[in-house]
PDB file of N, CA and C in Angstrom:
ATOM      1  N   UNK A   1       7.674 -24.189   1.341  1.00  0.00           N
ATOM      2  CA  UNK A   1       6.413 -23.470   1.512  1.00  0.00           C
ATOM      3  C   UNK A   1       5.228 -24.512   1.538  1.00  0.00           C
ATOM      4  N   UNK A   2       4.731 -24.615   2.557  1.00  0.00           N
ATOM      5  CA  UNK A   2       3.449 -25.585   2.882  1.00  0.00           C
ATOM      6  C   UNK A   2       2.036 -24.812   2.866  1.00  0.00           C
ATOM      7  N   UNK A   3       1.196 -25.562   2.119  1.00  0.00           N
ATOM      8  CA  UNK A   3      -0.359 -24.778   2.312  1.00  0.00           C
ATOM      9  C   UNK A   3      -0.596 -24.850   3.958  1.00  0.00           C
ATOM     10  N   UNK A   4      -0.063 -25.801   4.642  1.00  0.00           N
ATOM     11  CA  UNK A   4      -0.489 -25.717   6.145  1.00  0.00           C
ATOM     12  C   UNK A   4       0.020 -24.646   6.822  1.00  0.00           C
ATOM     13  N   UNK A   5       1.313 -24.008   6.537  1.00  0.00           N
ATOM     14  CA  UNK A   5       1.933 -22.957   7.178  1.00  0.00           C
ATOM     15  C   UNK A   5       1.122 -21.723   6.575  1.00  0.00           C
ATOM     16  N   UNK A   6       0.817 -21.729   5.419  1.00  0.00           N
ATOM     17  CA  UNK A   6       0.048 -20.640   4.728  1.00  0.00           C
ATOM     18  C   UNK A   6      -1.181 -20.523   5.519  1.00  0.00           C
ATOM     19  N   UNK A   7      -1.978 -21.620   5.583  1.00  0.00           N
ATOM     20  CA  UNK A   7      -3.471 -21.280   5.923  1.00  0.00           C
ATOM     21  C   UNK A   7      -3.421 -21.109   7.593  1.00  0.00           C
ATOM     22  N   UNK A   8      -2.397 -21.727   8.199  1.00  0.00           N
ATOM     23  CA  UNK A   8      -2.204 -21.338   9.539  1.00  0.00           C
ATOM     24  C   UNK A   8      -1.779 -19.987   9.727  1.00  0.00           C
ATOM     25  N   UNK A   9      -1.017 -19.376   8.910  1.00  0.00           N
ATOM     26  CA  UNK A   9      -0.558 -17.939   9.141  1.00  0.00           C
ATOM     27  C   UNK A   9      -1.949 -17.060   8.763  1.00  0.00           C
ATOM     28  N   UNK A  10      -2.699 -17.497   7.939  1.00  0.00           N
ATOM     29  CA  UNK A  10      -3.886 -16.585   7.585  1.00  0.00           C
ATOM     30  C   UNK A  10      -5.041 -16.995   8.503  1.00  0.00           C
ATOM     31  N   UNK A  11      -4.990 -17.865   9.319  1.00  0.00           N
ATOM     32  CA  UNK A  11      -5.951 -18.110  10.340  1.00  0.00           C
ATOM     33  C   UNK A  11      -6.070 -17.057  11.306  1.00  0.00           C
ATOM     34  N   UNK A  12      -5.165 -16.204  11.384  1.00  0.00           N
ATOM     35  CA  UNK A  12      -5.306 -15.338  12.691  1.00  0.00           C
ATOM     36  C   UNK A  12      -5.693 -13.835  12.033  1.00  0.00           C
ATOM     37  N   UNK A  13      -6.784 -13.177  12.614  1.00  0.00           N
ATOM     38  CA  UNK A  13      -7.036 -11.865  12.125  1.00  0.00           C
ATOM     39  C   UNK A  13      -6.188 -10.776  12.063  1.00  0.00           C
ATOM     40  N   UNK A  14      -5.227 -10.918  12.907  1.00  0.00           N
ATOM     41  CA  UNK A  14      -4.214  -9.783  13.140  1.00  0.00           C
ATOM     42  C   UNK A  14      -3.392 -10.105  12.050  1.00  0.00           C
ATOM     43  N   UNK A  15      -2.760 -11.122  11.624  1.00  0.00           N
ATOM     44  CA  UNK A  15      -1.970 -11.365  10.325  1.00  0.00           C
ATOM     45  C   UNK A  15      -2.437 -11.035   9.231  1.00  0.00           C
ATOM     46  N   UNK A  16      -4.075 -11.319   9.033  1.00  0.00           N
ATOM     47  CA  UNK A  16      -4.618 -11.010   7.973  1.00  0.00           C
ATOM     48  C   UNK A  16      -4.682  -9.417   7.700  1.00  0.00           C
ATOM     49  N   UNK A  17      -4.704  -8.748   8.862  1.00  0.00           N
ATOM     50  CA  UNK A  17      -4.952  -7.148   9.010  1.00  0.00           C
ATOM     51  C   UNK A  17      -3.415  -6.652   8.613  1.00  0.00           C
ATOM     52  N   UNK A  18      -2.390  -7.398   8.969  1.00  0.00           N
ATOM     53  CA  UNK A  18      -0.962  -6.856   8.613  1.00  0.00           C
ATOM     54  C   UNK A  18      -0.880  -6.963   6.983  1.00  0.00           C
ATOM     55  N   UNK A  19      -1.331  -8.395   6.563  1.00  0.00           N
ATOM     56  CA  UNK A  19      -1.115  -8.461   5.042  1.00  0.00           C
ATOM     57  C   UNK A  19      -2.053  -7.221   4.312  1.00  0.00           C
ATOM     58  N   UNK A  20      -2.864  -6.928   4.744  1.00  0.00           N
ATOM     59  CA  UNK A  20      -3.773  -5.986   3.938  1.00  0.00           C
ATOM     60  C   UNK A  20      -3.181  -4.725   4.046  1.00  0.00           C
ATOM     61  N   UNK A  21      -2.752  -4.304   5.280  1.00  0.00           N
ATOM     62  CA  UNK A  21      -1.873  -3.172   5.444  1.00  0.00           C
ATOM     63  C   UNK A  21      -0.445  -2.960   4.645  1.00  0.00           C
ATOM     64  N   UNK A  22      -0.136  -4.212   4.193  1.00  0.00           N
ATOM     65  CA  UNK A  22       1.039  -4.233   3.300  1.00  0.00           C
ATOM     66  C   UNK A  22       0.759  -4.194   2.089  1.00  0.00           C
ATOM     67  N   UNK A  23      -0.523  -4.156   1.414  1.00  0.00           N
ATOM     68  CA  UNK A  23      -1.048  -4.242   0.047  1.00  0.00           C
ATOM     69  C   UNK A  23      -0.549  -2.817  -0.772  1.00  0.00           C
ATOM     70  N   UNK A  24      -0.646  -1.667   0.415  1.00  0.00           N
ATOM     71  CA  UNK A  24      -0.138  -0.497  -0.366  1.00  0.00           C
ATOM     72  C   UNK A  24       1.593  -0.203  -0.321  1.00  0.00           C
ATOM     73  N   UNK A  25       2.129  -1.247   0.001  1.00  0.00           N
ATOM     74  CA  UNK A  25       3.865  -1.073  -0.132  1.00  0.00           C
ATOM     75  C   UNK A  25       4.276  -1.639   1.183  1.00  0.00           C
ATOM     76  N   UNK A  26       5.497  -1.623   1.191  1.00  0.00           N
ATOM     77  CA  UNK A  26       6.645  -2.147   2.324  1.00  0.00           C
ATOM     78  C   UNK A  26       6.504  -0.884   3.202  1.00  0.00           C
ATOM     79  N   UNK A  27       6.325  -1.354   4.581  1.00  0.00           N
ATOM     80  CA  UNK A  27       6.318  -0.509   5.885  1.00  0.00           C
ATOM     81  C   UNK A  27       7.315  -1.087   6.800  1.00  0.00           C
ATOM     82  N   UNK A  28       7.489  -0.342   7.626  1.00  0.00           N
ATOM     83  CA  UNK A  28       8.315  -0.458   9.044  1.00  0.00           C
ATOM     84  C   UNK A  28       7.396  -1.277   9.836  1.00  0.00           C
ATOM     85  N   UNK A  29       8.253  -2.156  10.874  1.00  0.00           N
ATOM     86  CA  UNK A  29       7.395  -2.721  11.905  1.00  0.00           C
ATOM     87  C   UNK A  29       6.667  -1.726  12.579  1.00  0.00           C
ATOM     88  N   UNK A  30       7.136  -0.531  13.071  1.00  0.00           N
ATOM     89  CA  UNK A  30       6.391   0.372  13.916  1.00  0.00           C
ATOM     90  C   UNK A  30       5.297   1.003  13.051  1.00  0.00           C
ATOM     91  N   UNK A  31       5.429   1.248  11.831  1.00  0.00           N
ATOM     92  CA  UNK A  31       4.106   1.722  11.064  1.00  0.00           C
ATOM     93  C   UNK A  31       3.264   0.801  10.935  1.00  0.00           C
ATOM     94  N   UNK A  32       3.439  -0.658  11.002  1.00  0.00           N
ATOM     95  CA  UNK A  32       2.578  -1.725  10.836  1.00  0.00           C
ATOM     96  C   UNK A  32       1.662  -1.749  12.237  1.00  0.00           C
ATOM     97  N   UNK A  33       2.486  -1.617  13.281  1.00  0.00           N
ATOM     98  CA  UNK A  33       1.902  -1.703  14.718  1.00  0.00           C
ATOM     99  C   UNK A  33       1.077  -0.605  15.141  1.00  0.00           C
ATOM    100  N   UNK A  34       1.130   0.718  14.349  1.00  0.00           N
ATOM    101  CA  UNK A  34       0.616   1.836  14.971  1.00  0.00           C
ATOM    102  C   UNK A  34      -0.965   1.773  15.173  1.00  0.00           C
ATOM    103  N   UNK A  35      -1.742   1.292  13.891  1.00  0.00           N
ATOM    104  CA  UNK A  35      -3.275   1.366  14.020  1.00  0.00           C
ATOM    105  C   UNK A  35      -3.796   0.285  14.847  1.00  0.00           C
ATOM    106  N   UNK A  36      -3.013  -0.869  15.130  1.00  0.00           N
ATOM    107  CA  UNK A  36      -3.258  -1.932  15.653  1.00  0.00           C
ATOM    108  C   UNK A  36      -3.283  -1.839  17.240  1.00  0.00           C
ATOM    109  N   UNK A  37      -4.321  -2.464  18.032  1.00  0.00           N
ATOM    110  CA  UNK A  37      -4.253  -2.535  19.379  1.00  0.00           C
ATOM    111  C   UNK A  37      -3.379  -3.640  19.908  1.00  0.00           C
ATOM    112  N   UNK A  38      -2.262  -3.743  19.460  1.00  0.00           N
ATOM    113  CA  UNK A  38      -1.383  -4.771  19.970  1.00  0.00           C
ATOM    114  C   UNK A  38      -0.097  -4.365  19.845  1.00  0.00           C
ATOM    115  N   UNK A  39       0.860  -4.805  20.881  1.00  0.00           N
ATOM    116  CA  UNK A  39       2.337  -4.255  21.117  1.00  0.00           C
ATOM    117  C   UNK A  39       3.053  -4.743  19.835  1.00  0.00           C
ATOM    118  N   UNK A  40       4.055  -3.888  19.926  1.00  0.00           N
ATOM    119  CA  UNK A  40       5.146  -4.116  18.798  1.00  0.00           C
ATOM    120  C   UNK A  40       5.765  -5.374  19.105  1.00  0.00           C
ATOM    121  N   UNK A  41       5.952  -6.047  19.897  1.00  0.00           N
ATOM    122  CA  UNK A  41       6.629  -7.241  20.374  1.00  0.00           C
ATOM    123  C   UNK A  41       5.437  -8.301  19.578  1.00  0.00           C
ATOM    124  N   UNK A  42       4.190  -8.258  19.897  1.00  0.00           N
ATOM    125  CA  UNK A  42       3.269  -9.157  19.255  1.00  0.00           C
ATOM    126  C   UNK A  42       3.254  -9.062  17.711  1.00  0.00           C
ATOM    127  N   UNK A  43       3.484  -7.773  17.165  1.00  0.00           N
ATOM    128  CA  UNK A  43       3.536  -7.575  15.657  1.00  0.00           C
ATOM    129  C   UNK A  43       4.990  -8.429  15.278  1.00  0.00           C
ATOM    130  N   UNK A  44       6.019  -8.125  15.887  1.00  0.00           N
ATOM    131  CA  UNK A  44       7.062  -8.797  15.493  1.00  0.00           C
ATOM    132  C   UNK A  44       6.879 -10.532  15.453  1.00  0.00           C
ATOM    133  N   UNK A  45       6.186 -11.126  16.463  1.00  0.00           N
ATOM    134  CA  UNK A  45       5.845 -12.244  16.402  1.00  0.00           C
ATOM    135  C   UNK A  45       4.777 -12.644  15.183  1.00  0.00           C
ATOM    136  N   UNK A  46       4.123 -12.060  15.102  1.00  0.00           N
ATOM    137  CA  UNK A  46       3.192 -12.061  13.858  1.00  0.00           C
ATOM    138  C   UNK A  46       3.756 -11.993  12.576  1.00  0.00           C
ATOM    139  N   UNK A  47       4.757 -11.050  12.247  1.00  0.00           N
ATOM    140  CA  UNK A  47       5.512 -11.096  11.241  1.00  0.00           C
ATOM    141  C   UNK A  47       6.369 -12.241  10.964  1.00  0.00           C
ATOM    142  N   UNK A  48       7.018 -12.664  11.970  1.00  0.00           N
ATOM    143  CA  UNK A  48       7.891 -14.015  12.224  1.00  0.00           C
ATOM    144  C   UNK A  48       7.093 -15.084  11.463  1.00  0.00           C
ATOM    145  N   UNK A  49       5.722 -15.195  12.029  1.00  0.00           N
ATOM    146  CA  UNK A  49       4.839 -16.323  11.549  1.00  0.00           C
ATOM    147  C   UNK A  49       4.737 -16.362   9.758  1.00  0.00           C
ATOM    148  N   UNK A  50       4.311 -15.043   9.500  1.00  0.00           N
ATOM    149  CA  UNK A  50       4.150 -14.428   7.993  1.00  0.00           C
ATOM    150  C   UNK A  50       5.299 -14.865   7.087  1.00  0.00           C
ATOM    151  N   UNK A  51       6.297 -14.424   7.662  1.00  0.00           N
ATOM    152  CA  UNK A  51       7.746 -14.727   7.048  1.00  0.00           C
ATOM    153  C   UNK A  51       8.141 -16.454   6.936  1.00  0.00           C
ATOM    154  N   UNK A  52       7.854 -17.054   7.776  1.00  0.00           N
ATOM    155  CA  UNK A  52       7.865 -18.415   7.651  1.00  0.00           C
ATOM    156  C   UNK A  52       7.097 -18.991   6.864  1.00  0.00           C
ATOM    157  N   UNK A  53       5.893 -18.579   6.902  1.00  0.00           N
ATOM    158  CA  UNK A  53       4.899 -18.851   5.729  1.00  0.00           C
ATOM    159  C   UNK A  53       5.106 -18.365   4.217  1.00  0.00           C
ATOM    160  N   UNK A  54       6.316 -17.592   4.071  1.00  0.00           N
ATOM    161  CA  UNK A  54       6.502 -17.075   3.066  1.00  0.00           C
ATOM    162  C   UNK A  54       5.490 -16.167   2.406  1.00  0.00           C
ATOM    163  N   UNK A  55       4.814 -15.238   3.277  1.00  0.00           N
ATOM    164  CA  UNK A  55       3.808 -14.424   2.902  1.00  0.00           C
ATOM    165  C   UNK A  55       4.533 -12.987   3.061  1.00  0.00           C
ATOM    166  N   UNK A  56       5.478 -12.727   3.682  1.00  0.00           N
ATOM    167  CA  UNK A  56       6.159 -11.388   3.755  1.00  0.00           C
ATOM    168  C   UNK A  56       7.539 -11.836   3.756  1.00  0.00           C
ATOM    169  N   UNK A  57       8.362 -10.772   3.441  1.00  0.00           N
ATOM    170  CA  UNK A  57       9.934 -10.818   3.482  1.00  0.00           C
ATOM    171  C   UNK A  57      10.261  -9.361   4.554  1.00  0.00           C
ATOM    172  N   UNK A  58      11.302  -9.522   5.067  1.00  0.00           N
ATOM    173  CA  UNK A  58      11.691  -8.416   5.952  1.00  0.00           C
ATOM    174  C   UNK A  58      13.315  -7.882   5.576  1.00  0.00           C
ATOM    175  N   UNK A  59      13.550  -6.824   5.709  1.00  0.00           N
ATOM    176  CA  UNK A  59      15.049  -6.252   5.483  1.00  0.00           C
ATOM    177  C   UNK A  59      15.138  -5.287   6.574  1.00  0.00           C
ATOM    178  N   UNK A  60      16.508  -5.175   7.242  1.00  0.00           N
ATOM    179  CA  UNK A  60      16.806  -4.339   8.075  1.00  0.00           C
ATOM    180  C   UNK A  60      17.684  -3.294   7.208  1.00  0.00           C
ATOM    181  N   UNK A  61      17.297  -1.924   7.534  1.00  0.00           N
ATOM    182  CA  UNK A  61      17.893  -0.964   6.755  1.00  0.00           C
ATOM    183  C   UNK A  61      18.159   0.123   8.265  1.00  0.00           C
ATOM    184  N   UNK A  62      19.505   0.229   8.478  1.00  0.00           N
ATOM    185  CA  UNK A  62      19.748   0.972   9.733  1.00  0.00           C
ATOM    186  C   UNK A  62      19.055   0.454  11.059  1.00  0.00           C
ATOM    187  N   UNK A  63      18.151   1.188  11.769  1.00  0.00           N
ATOM    188  CA  UNK A  63      17.650   0.756  13.101  1.00  0.00           C
ATOM    189  C   UNK A  63      16.399   0.052  12.798  1.00  0.00           C
ATOM    190  N   UNK A  64      15.834   0.412  11.398  1.00  0.00           N
ATOM    191  CA  UNK A  64      14.619   0.006  11.198  1.00  0.00           C
ATOM    192  C   UNK A  64      14.345  -1.424  10.436  1.00  0.00           C
ATOM    193  N   UNK A  65      13.454  -2.199  10.771  1.00  0.00           N
ATOM    194  CA  UNK A  65      12.976  -3.388  10.059  1.00  0.00           C
ATOM    195  C   UNK A  65      11.729  -3.229   9.024  1.00  0.00           C
ATOM    196  N   UNK A  66      12.101  -3.496   7.777  1.00  0.00           N
ATOM    197  CA  UNK A  66      10.974  -3.097   6.851  1.00  0.00           C
ATOM    198  C   UNK A  66      10.369  -4.525   6.409  1.00  0.00           C
ATOM    199  N   UNK A  67       8.985  -4.622   6.266  1.00  0.00           N
ATOM    200  CA  UNK A  67       8.159  -5.665   5.864  1.00  0.00           C
ATOM    201  C   UNK A  67       7.550  -5.657   4.250  1.00  0.00           C
ATOM    202  N   UNK A  68       7.574  -6.423   3.510  1.00  0.00           N
ATOM    203  CA  UNK A  68       6.747  -6.359   2.165  1.00  0.00           C
ATOM    204  C   UNK A  68       6.083  -7.595   1.929  1.00  0.00           C
ATOM    205  N   UNK A  69       5.074  -7.768   0.946  1.00  0.00           N
ATOM    206  CA  UNK A  69       4.570  -8.731   0.801  1.00  0.00           C
ATOM    207  C   UNK A  69       5.312  -9.496  -0.077  1.00  0.00           C
ATOM    208  N   UNK A  70       5.046 -10.760  -0.064  1.00  0.00           N
ATOM    209  CA  UNK A  70       5.591 -11.810  -1.154  1.00  0.00           C
ATOM    210  C   UNK A  70       4.317 -12.522  -1.537  1.00  0.00           C
ATOM    211  N   UNK A  71       3.990 -12.449  -2.887  1.00  0.00           N
ATOM    212  CA  UNK A  71       3.049 -13.085  -3.589  1.00  0.00           C
ATOM    213  C   UNK A  71       3.115 -14.563  -3.683  1.00  0.00           C
ATOM    214  N   UNK A  72       4.151 -15.089  -3.610  1.00  0.00           N
ATOM    215  CA  UNK A  72       4.265 -16.446  -3.893  1.00  0.00           C
ATOM    216  C   UNK A  72       3.599 -17.470  -2.995  1.00  0.00           C
ATOM    217  N   UNK A  73       3.529 -17.134  -1.879  1.00  0.00           N
ATOM    218  CA  UNK A  73       2.928 -18.163  -0.812  1.00  0.00           C
ATOM    219  C   UNK A  73       1.259 -17.731  -1.259  1.00  0.00           C
ATOM    220  N   UNK A  74       0.887 -16.587  -1.538  1.00  0.00           N
ATOM    221  CA  UNK A  74      -0.564 -16.269  -1.692  1.00  0.00           C
ATOM    222  C   UNK A  74      -1.156 -16.921  -2.817  1.00  0.00           C
ATOM    223  N   UNK A  75      -0.015 -16.750  -3.614  1.00  0.00           N
ATOM    224  CA  UNK A  75      -0.477 -17.459  -5.298  1.00  0.00           C
ATOM    225  C   UNK A  75      -0.550 -18.899  -4.982  1.00  0.00           C
ATOM    226  N   UNK A  76       0.292 -19.703  -4.356  1.00  0.00           N
ATOM    227  CA  UNK A  76       0.168 -21.003  -4.033  1.00  0.00           C
ATOM    228  C   UNK A  76      -1.236 -21.415  -3.590  1.00  0.00           C
ATOM    229  N   UNK A  77      -1.558 -20.620  -2.584  1.00  0.00           N
ATOM    230  CA  UNK A  77      -2.859 -20.824  -1.645  1.00  0.00           C
ATOM    231  C   UNK A  77      -4.006 -20.532  -2.663  1.00  0.00           C
ATOM    232  N   UNK A  78      -4.050 -19.413  -3.487  1.00  0.00           N
ATOM    233  CA  UNK A  78      -5.034 -19.183  -4.197  1.00  0.00           C
ATOM    234  C   UNK A  78      -5.203 -20.350  -5.340  1.00  0.00           C
ATOM    235  N   UNK A  79      -4.087 -20.842  -6.032  1.00  0.00           N
ATOM    236  CA  UNK A  79      -4.271 -21.825  -6.887  1.00  0.00           C
ATOM    237  C   UNK A  79      -4.696 -23.164  -6.238  1.00  0.00           C
ATOM    238  N   UNK A  80      -4.356 -23.536  -5.056  1.00  0.00           N
ATOM    239  CA  UNK A  80      -5.165 -24.598  -4.398  1.00  0.00           C
ATOM    240  C   UNK A  80      -6.564 -24.489  -4.372  1.00  0.00           C
ATOM    241  N   UNK A  81      -6.962 -23.337  -3.708  1.00  0.00           N
ATOM    242  CA  UNK A  81      -8.476 -23.098  -3.542  1.00  0.00           C
ATOM    243  C   UNK A  81      -8.980 -23.075  -4.778  1.00  0.00           C
ATOM    244  N   UNK A  82      -8.526 -22.424  -5.850  1.00  0.00           N
ATOM    245  CA  UNK A  82      -9.199 -22.706  -7.238  1.00  0.00           C
ATOM    246  C   UNK A  82      -9.315 -23.940  -7.790  1.00  0.00           C
ATOM    247  N   UNK A  83      -8.333 -25.033  -7.516  1.00  0.00           N
ATOM    248  CA  UNK A  83      -8.476 -26.319  -7.887  1.00  0.00           C
ATOM    249  C   UNK A  83      -9.527 -27.043  -7.183  1.00  0.00           C
ATOM    250  N   UNK A  84      -9.724 -26.842  -5.833  1.00  0.00           N
ATOM    251  CA  UNK A  84     -10.516 -27.316  -5.113  1.00  0.00           C
ATOM    252  C   UNK A  84     -11.983 -26.893  -5.232  1.00  0.00           C
ATOM    253  N   UNK A  85     -12.121 -25.635  -5.474  1.00  0.00           N
ATOM    254  CA  UNK A  85     -13.360 -25.192  -6.070  1.00  0.00           C
ATOM    255  C   UNK A  85     -13.879 -25.864  -7.377  1.00  0.00           C
ATOM    256  N   UNK A  86     -12.920 -26.162  -8.230  1.00  0.00           N
ATOM    257  CA  UNK A  86     -13.264 -26.901  -9.495  1.00  0.00           C
ATOM    258  C   UNK A  86     -13.735 -28.312  -9.111  1.00  0.00           C
ATOM    259  N   UNK A  87     -13.190 -29.006  -8.412  1.00  0.00           N
ATOM    260  CA  UNK A  87     -13.485 -30.487  -7.690  1.00  0.00           C
ATOM    261  C   UNK A  87     -14.632 -30.220  -7.155  1.00  0.00           C
ATOM    262  N   UNK A  88     -14.933 -29.220  -6.332  1.00  0.00           N
ATOM    263  CA  UNK A  88     -16.373 -29.386  -5.483  1.00  0.00           C
ATOM    264  C   UNK A  88     -17.443 -28.922  -6.380  1.00  0.00           C
ATOM    265  N   UNK A  89     -17.280 -28.083  -7.578  1.00  0.00           N
ATOM    266  CA  UNK A  89     -18.115 -27.699  -8.438  1.00  0.00           C
ATOM    267  C   UNK A  89     -18.525 -28.942  -9.241  1.00  0.00           C
ATOM    268  N   UNK A  90     -17.617 -29.646  -9.683  1.00  0.00           N
ATOM    269  CA  UNK A  90     -17.770 -30.908 -10.554  1.00  0.00           C
ATOM    270  C   UNK A  90     -18.560 -32.000  -9.702  1.00  0.00           C
ATOM    271  N   UNK A  91     -18.196 -32.198  -8.455  1.00  0.00           N
ATOM    272  CA  UNK A  91     -19.007 -33.061  -7.443  1.00  0.00           C
ATOM    273  C   UNK A  91     -20.420 -32.674  -7.521  1.00  0.00           C
ATOM    274  N   UNK A  92     -20.680 -31.479  -7.057  1.00  0.00           N
ATOM    275  CA  UNK A  92     -21.833 -30.970  -7.087  1.00  0.00           C
ATOM    276  C   UNK A  92     -22.755 -31.143  -8.298  1.00  0.00           C
ATOM    277  N   UNK A  93     -22.189 -30.946  -9.481  1.00  0.00           N
ATOM    278  CA  UNK A  93     -22.680 -30.934 -10.771  1.00  0.00           C
ATOM    279  C   UNK A  93     -23.386 -32.536 -10.935  1.00  0.00           C
ATOM    280  N   UNK A  94     -22.175 -33.396 -10.360  1.00  0.00           N
ATOM    281  CA  UNK A  94     -22.681 -34.751 -10.685  1.00  0.00           C
ATOM    282  C   UNK A  94     -23.822 -35.233  -9.725  1.00  0.00           C
ATOM    283  N   UNK A  95     -23.800 -34.567  -8.595  1.00  0.00           N
ATOM    284  CA  UNK A  95     -24.777 -34.633  -7.682  1.00  0.00           C
ATOM    285  C   UNK A  95     -26.165 -34.342  -8.050  1.00  0.00           C
ATOM    286  N   UNK A  96     -26.211 -33.202  -8.799  1.00  0.00           N
ATOM    287  CA  UNK A  96     -27.407 -32.628  -9.486  1.00  0.00           C
ATOM    288  C   UNK A  96     -27.834 -33.428 -10.339  1.00  0.00           C
ATOM    289  N   UNK A  97     -27.085 -34.140 -11.271  1.00  0.00           N
ATOM    290  CA  UNK A  97     -27.274 -35.159 -12.508  1.00  0.00           C
ATOM    291  C   UNK A  97     -27.918 -36.283 -11.724  1.00  0.00           C
ATOM    292  N   UNK A  98     -27.403 -36.863 -10.815  1.00  0.00           N
ATOM    293  CA  UNK A  98     -27.801 -38.128 -10.331  1.00  0.00           C
ATOM    294  C   UNK A  98     -29.092 -37.687  -9.416  1.00  0.00           C
ATOM    295  N   UNK A  99     -29.421 -36.729  -8.787  1.00  0.00           N
ATOM    296  CA  UNK A  99     -30.766 -36.347  -8.330  1.00  0.00           C
ATOM    297  C   UNK A  99     -31.929 -36.104  -9.181  1.00  0.00           C
ATOM    298  N   UNK A 100     -31.434 -35.365 -10.435  1.00  0.00           N
ATOM    299  CA  UNK A 100     -32.435 -35.180 -11.475  1.00  0.00           C
ATOM    300  C   UNK A 100     -32.844 -36.604 -12.164  1.00  0.00           C
ATOM    301  N   UNK A 101     -31.818 -37.638 -12.255  1.00  0.00           N
ATOM    302  CA  UNK A 101     -32.071 -38.888 -12.871  1.00  0.00           C
ATOM    303  C   UNK A 101     -33.019 -39.560 -11.810  1.00  0.00           C
ATOM    304  N   UNK A 102     -32.734 -39.596 -10.639  1.00  0.00           N
ATOM    305  CA  UNK A 102     -33.539 -40.048  -9.557  1.00  0.00           C
ATOM    306  C   UNK A 102     -35.142 -39.804  -9.513  1.00  0.00           C
ATOM    307  N   UNK A 103     -35.344 -38.278  -9.866  1.00  0.00           N
ATOM    308  CA  UNK A 103     -36.553 -37.623  -9.885  1.00  0.00           C
ATOM    309  C   UNK A 103     -37.283 -37.995 -11.049  1.00  0.00           C
ATOM    310  N   UNK A 104     -36.439 -38.320 -12.231  1.00  0.00           N
ATOM    311  CA  UNK A 104     -37.280 -38.643 -13.316  1.00  0.00           C
ATOM    312  C   UNK A 104     -37.698 -40.212 -13.189  1.00  0.00           C
ATOM    313  N   UNK A 105     -37.482 -41.054 -12.414  1.00  0.00           N
ATOM    314  CA  UNK A 105     -37.650 -42.512 -12.255  1.00  0.00           C
ATOM    315  C   UNK A 105     -39.030 -42.745 -11.619  1.00  0.00           C
TER     316      UNK A 105
END
């Protein structure tokens, strides 16, 4: 799992919409496709990208393909973002200190 594939997968609004729909639980591909204005074939391609990024898992039962969320990929991205936020906040705090020192001179 790479952050590049995770963020690339999340960059598309249709894929984010699919992930949001999966928050309620596992769904079939056709259920995922029903409210979106894109074809079932496009949904399959989006799901494949999400699966490669380890954001979803699929399974086939009979003639239906089911899709469910995988939290590992999202957790990895969230941890990276939290660490980045901490670094940025520390840098901004330091900048504020330097500006305050300059202001007092």
